[in-house]
């Protein structure tokens, strides 16, 4: 889909565009709804970060929430400009985030503690360099999907070994938002021609951003609960403002 009007950012150089007309609302924002739909993800990641810092969770969770924010900010830059460099600022953090999820999921049972973070760090660094030089199309999407699939069996293992009903609901909401978000992404991608003829565009990719923001929040909160259980911190899932669930812990005092 070509840009509708001249833009502040110049011609589109990204390898992928989505089913939203360009520069309709502003000459500074290429895909308006795909840009602003990242705001909920940033807010949810900030809520998670504040909780992780306030209760003294391990640094891995603070980094995870910050990673979610960086990814969302990168997505804002990409959809606002549709430039190739900004596209990389969205796609590279996507891979880094999945590598971080893999570390959090698998590290508790990994006996050689230095090898996993070293390997994942090198993998992420090499990917970033390679991705800056090569334009991926379907290859990036396949690569990202594989990384996601590698995480799912471990998430399922945590689920079946968690007996707290509230924590299980977090996992169920994680699956539900992933399913709904993926459905919106596929419809926007596969049926763009038909959708473009509708009186109103449902903005499937923007909905994907919103659903995946909640998906990340539910996943992070569930993993924080599981880790707190491993550490013996007596975790509970409690509501924040009666809307957003978060994990409240009670660390044992050192005698």
Protein backbone atom coordinates (compact mmCIF):
# COMPACT_ATOMS: atom_id res chain seq x y z
CA UNK A 1 0.00 0.00 0.00
CA UNK A 2 1.62 3.27 -1.06
CA UNK A 3 1.62 6.40 1.05
CA UNK A 4 -1.46 8.56 0.39
CA UNK A 5 0.27 11.96 0.57
CA UNK A 6 3.75 13.39 0.91
CA UNK A 7 5.08 12.76 4.39
CA UNK A 8 7.48 14.40 6.79
CA UNK A 9 9.54 11.18 6.79
CA UNK A 10 9.84 10.78 3.04
CA UNK A 11 9.09 7.68 0.94
CA UNK A 12 8.26 4.41 2.70
CA UNK A 13 11.37 2.22 3.07
CA UNK A 14 10.08 -0.46 5.47
CA UNK A 15 9.65 -3.97 4.10
CA UNK A 16 6.14 -4.31 5.54
CA UNK A 17 3.08 -2.06 5.61
CA UNK A 18 -0.24 -2.79 7.27
CA UNK A 19 -3.89 -2.38 6.43
CA UNK A 20 -4.19 1.26 7.45
CA UNK A 21 -4.11 4.22 5.06
CA UNK A 22 -0.98 6.31 5.51
CA UNK A 23 -0.84 9.90 6.72
CA UNK A 24 -4.58 10.34 7.09
CA UNK A 25 -4.50 12.23 10.41
CA UNK A 26 -1.04 13.80 10.41
CA UNK A 27 1.91 14.27 8.08
CA UNK A 28 4.13 13.19 11.01
CA UNK A 29 2.38 9.85 11.69
CA UNK A 30 2.16 7.30 8.87
CA UNK A 31 -0.15 4.77 10.54
CA UNK A 32 -2.05 6.68 13.21
CA UNK A 33 -3.96 3.86 14.95
CA UNK A 34 -1.06 1.42 14.70
CA UNK A 35 1.06 4.06 16.43
CA UNK A 36 -1.16 5.14 19.33
CA UNK A 37 -2.27 1.55 20.04
CA UNK A 38 1.13 0.96 21.65
CA UNK A 39 0.33 3.32 24.53
CA UNK A 40 -1.54 0.68 26.64
CA UNK A 41 1.47 -1.64 26.35
CA UNK A 42 3.79 1.06 27.69
CA UNK A 43 1.46 1.84 30.60
CA UNK A 44 1.03 -1.84 31.52
CA UNK A 45 4.79 -2.42 31.38
CA UNK A 46 5.30 0.61 33.62
CA UNK A 47 2.81 -0.79 36.16
CA UNK A 48 4.67 -4.10 36.11
CA UNK A 49 8.04 -2.38 36.49
CA UNK A 50 6.88 -0.34 39.49
CA UNK A 51 5.56 -3.48 41.18
CA UNK A 52 8.77 -5.42 40.49
CA UNK A 53 10.94 -2.64 41.90
CA UNK A 54 8.71 -1.85 44.87
CA UNK A 55 8.62 -5.44 46.07
CA UNK A 56 12.23 -6.28 45.34
CA UNK A 57 11.78 -8.91 42.63
CA UNK A 58 14.92 -10.09 40.86
CA UNK A 59 16.41 -7.75 38.28
CA UNK A 60 15.38 -10.07 35.45
CA UNK A 61 11.76 -8.97 35.88
CA UNK A 62 12.60 -5.27 35.90
CA UNK A 63 14.58 -5.83 32.71
CA UNK A 64 11.66 -7.76 31.24
CA UNK A 65 9.20 -4.91 31.86
CA UNK A 66 11.69 -2.39 30.48
CA UNK A 67 12.09 -4.65 27.45
CA UNK A 68 8.32 -4.51 26.91
CA UNK A 69 8.46 -0.72 26.99
CA UNK A 70 11.40 -0.56 24.59
CA UNK A 71 9.56 -2.87 22.19
CA UNK A 72 6.44 -0.70 22.30
CA UNK A 73 8.43 2.49 21.79
CA UNK A 74 10.19 0.85 18.84
CA UNK A 75 6.79 -0.07 17.43
CA UNK A 76 5.68 3.57 17.79
CA UNK A 77 8.71 4.72 15.80
CA UNK A 78 8.15 2.09 13.12
CA UNK A 79 4.47 2.72 12.51
CA UNK A 80 4.84 6.48 12.77
CA UNK A 81 7.57 6.63 10.11
CA UNK A 82 7.44 3.40 8.05
CA UNK A 83 11.20 3.67 7.66
CA UNK A 84 13.48 0.63 7.50
CA UNK A 85 15.74 1.71 10.37
CA UNK A 86 12.73 2.27 12.63
CA UNK A 87 11.34 -1.08 11.53
CA UNK A 88 14.48 -2.65 12.97
CA UNK A 89 13.88 -0.76 16.23
CA UNK A 90 10.63 -2.74 16.43
CA UNK A 91 11.74 -6.14 15.16
CA UNK A 92 15.10 -6.49 16.92
CA UNK A 93 13.60 -5.85 20.41
CA UNK A 94 10.94 -8.46 19.59
CA UNK A 95 13.67 -11.08 19.31
CA UNK A 96 15.55 -9.79 22.36
CA UNK A 97 12.36 -9.95 24.41
CA UNK A 98 11.73 -13.58 23.47
CA UNK A 99 15.32 -14.47 24.40
CA UNK A 100 14.73 -12.87 27.78
CA UNK A 101 11.53 -14.89 28.22
CA UNK A 102 13.49 -18.04 27.41
CA UNK A 103 16.05 -17.17 30.09
CA UNK A 104 13.38 -16.55 32.73
CA UNK A 105 11.49 -19.72 31.81
CA UNK A 106 14.41 -22.14 31.61
CA UNK A 107 17.11 -20.76 33.91
CA UNK A 108 15.69 -22.15 37.20
CA UNK A 109 16.46 -25.72 36.05
CA UNK A 110 19.61 -24.90 34.09
CA UNK A 111 22.59 -26.35 35.96
CA UNK A 112 25.31 -24.52 34.02
CA UNK A 113 24.28 -21.03 35.05
CA UNK A 114 26.75 -19.00 33.00
CA UNK A 115 26.21 -20.78 29.68
CA UNK A 116 22.58 -19.88 29.08
CA UNK A 117 22.79 -16.08 29.55
CA UNK A 118 26.07 -16.01 27.62
CA UNK A 119 24.58 -17.93 24.70
CA UNK A 120 21.37 -15.89 24.64
CA UNK A 121 23.30 -12.61 24.82
CA UNK A 122 25.59 -13.60 21.96
CA UNK A 123 22.64 -14.86 19.92
CA UNK A 124 20.81 -11.56 20.42
CA UNK A 125 23.88 -9.49 19.56
CA UNK A 126 24.66 -11.49 16.41
CA UNK A 127 21.03 -11.29 15.31
CA UNK A 128 20.99 -7.50 15.77
CA UNK A 129 24.09 -7.08 13.62
CA UNK A 130 22.84 -9.48 10.96
CA UNK A 131 19.38 -7.92 10.95
CA UNK A 132 20.88 -4.45 10.44
CA UNK A 133 22.48 -5.63 7.21
CA UNK A 134 19.85 -7.98 5.75
CA UNK A 135 16.21 -7.22 4.99
CA UNK A 136 14.07 -10.08 6.24
CA UNK A 137 10.53 -10.68 5.08
CA UNK A 138 8.75 -13.89 5.94
CA UNK A 139 12.01 -15.19 7.41
CA UNK A 140 11.77 -12.83 10.38
CA UNK A 141 8.18 -13.85 11.11
CA UNK A 142 9.09 -17.56 10.98
CA UNK A 143 12.10 -16.98 13.23
CA UNK A 144 10.01 -15.05 15.76
CA UNK A 145 7.26 -17.70 15.72
CA UNK A 146 9.84 -20.43 16.46
CA UNK A 147 11.14 -18.47 19.46
CA UNK A 148 7.57 -18.11 20.74
CA UNK A 149 6.87 -21.81 20.29
CA UNK A 150 10.00 -22.70 22.29
CA UNK A 151 8.52 -20.84 25.26
CA UNK A 152 5.05 -22.40 25.24
CA UNK A 153 5.95 -25.90 26.58
CA UNK A 154 7.68 -24.33 29.56
CA UNK A 155 4.74 -22.02 30.23
CA UNK A 156 2.49 -25.09 30.19
CA UNK A 157 4.76 -26.86 32.67
CA UNK A 158 4.50 -23.91 35.05
CA UNK A 159 0.74 -23.88 34.58
CA UNK A 160 0.20 -27.52 35.52
CA UNK A 161 2.43 -27.13 38.58
CA UNK A 162 0.57 -24.04 39.80
CA UNK A 163 -2.43 -24.68 42.02
CA UNK A 164 -3.44 -21.12 42.86
CA UNK A 165 -6.70 -20.35 41.03
CA UNK A 166 -5.89 -16.67 40.50
CA UNK A 167 -2.49 -17.49 39.02
CA UNK A 168 -4.10 -20.02 36.69
CA UNK A 169 -6.49 -17.31 35.51
CA UNK A 170 -3.48 -15.18 34.60
CA UNK A 171 -2.24 -18.02 32.39
CA UNK A 172 -5.69 -18.42 30.83
CA UNK A 173 -5.88 -14.70 30.06
CA UNK A 174 -2.41 -14.99 28.56
CA UNK A 175 -3.66 -17.67 26.15
CA UNK A 176 -6.90 -15.80 25.40
CA UNK A 177 -5.18 -12.50 24.55
CA UNK A 178 -2.58 -14.34 22.46
CA UNK A 179 -5.33 -16.08 20.49
CA UNK A 180 -7.39 -12.91 19.97
CA UNK A 181 -4.34 -10.83 19.08
CA UNK A 182 -3.11 -13.40 16.58
CA UNK A 183 -6.58 -13.59 15.02
CA UNK A 184 -6.63 -9.80 14.57
CA UNK A 185 -3.11 -9.86 13.10
CA UNK A 186 -4.01 -12.58 10.59
CA UNK A 187 -7.26 -10.91 9.51
CA UNK A 188 -5.50 -7.59 8.99
CA UNK A 189 -2.75 -9.30 7.02
CA UNK A 190 -4.75 -11.76 4.93
CA UNK A 191 -7.97 -9.85 4.23
CA UNK A 192 -6.69 -6.30 3.82
CA UNK A 193 -8.14 -5.95 0.32
CA UNK A 194 -11.63 -6.84 1.53
CA UNK A 195 -11.32 -4.78 4.73
CA UNK A 196 -10.25 -1.72 2.75
CA UNK A 197 -13.67 -1.70 1.06
CA UNK A 198 -15.53 -1.64 4.38
CA UNK A 199 -17.02 1.67 5.61
CA UNK A 200 -14.92 1.37 8.79
CA UNK A 201 -11.54 -0.33 9.10
CA UNK A 202 -11.51 -2.38 12.34
CA UNK A 203 -7.74 -1.73 12.59
CA UNK A 204 -6.74 -5.34 13.22
CA UNK A 205 -3.05 -4.59 13.65
CA UNK A 206 -3.80 -1.87 16.20
CA UNK A 207 -5.96 -4.37 18.11
CA UNK A 208 -3.03 -6.80 17.94
CA UNK A 209 -0.91 -4.20 19.74
CA UNK A 210 -3.52 -3.75 22.47
CA UNK A 211 -4.08 -7.49 22.99
CA UNK A 212 -0.34 -8.20 23.02
CA UNK A 213 0.21 -5.44 25.57
CA UNK A 214 -2.17 -7.25 27.91
CA UNK A 215 -0.69 -10.59 26.84
CA UNK A 216 2.78 -9.50 27.94
CA UNK A 217 1.42 -8.13 31.21
CA UNK A 218 -0.41 -11.37 32.04
CA UNK A 219 2.64 -13.46 31.06
CA UNK A 220 4.99 -11.34 33.17
CA UNK A 221 2.68 -11.40 36.18
CA UNK A 222 2.24 -15.16 35.93
CA UNK A 223 6.00 -15.69 35.70
CA UNK A 224 6.57 -13.40 38.68
CA UNK A 225 4.10 -15.51 40.66
CA UNK A 226 5.86 -18.75 39.67
CA UNK A 227 9.27 -17.35 40.54
CA UNK A 228 8.03 -16.08 43.90
CA UNK A 229 6.72 -19.57 44.61
CA UNK A 230 10.14 -21.03 43.77
CA UNK A 231 11.75 -18.59 46.19
CA UNK A 232 9.25 -19.28 48.97
CA UNK A 233 7.86 -15.72 49.01
CA UNK A 234 4.20 -16.70 49.58
CA UNK A 235 2.85 -14.92 46.48
CA UNK A 236 -0.74 -13.78 46.07
CA UNK A 237 -2.45 -12.34 43.00
CA UNK A 238 -4.30 -9.21 44.07
CA UNK A 239 -6.07 -6.50 42.01
CA UNK A 240 -4.60 -3.04 41.48
CA UNK A 241 -7.38 -0.43 41.27
CA UNK A 242 -9.72 -3.46 41.11
CA UNK A 243 -8.68 -3.96 37.49
CA UNK A 244 -5.03 -4.96 36.99
CA UNK A 245 -3.82 -8.09 38.80
CA UNK A 246 -0.36 -7.99 40.32
CA UNK A 247 1.70 -10.27 42.54
CA UNK A 248 2.06 -9.42 46.21
CA UNK A 249 4.81 -11.27 48.07
CA UNK A 250 5.98 -11.75 51.65
CA UNK A 251 9.68 -12.42 51.90
CA UNK A 252 10.88 -14.26 54.97
CA UNK A 253 12.97 -12.09 57.23
CA UNK A 254 16.56 -13.22 57.69
CA UNK A 255 17.19 -14.14 61.33
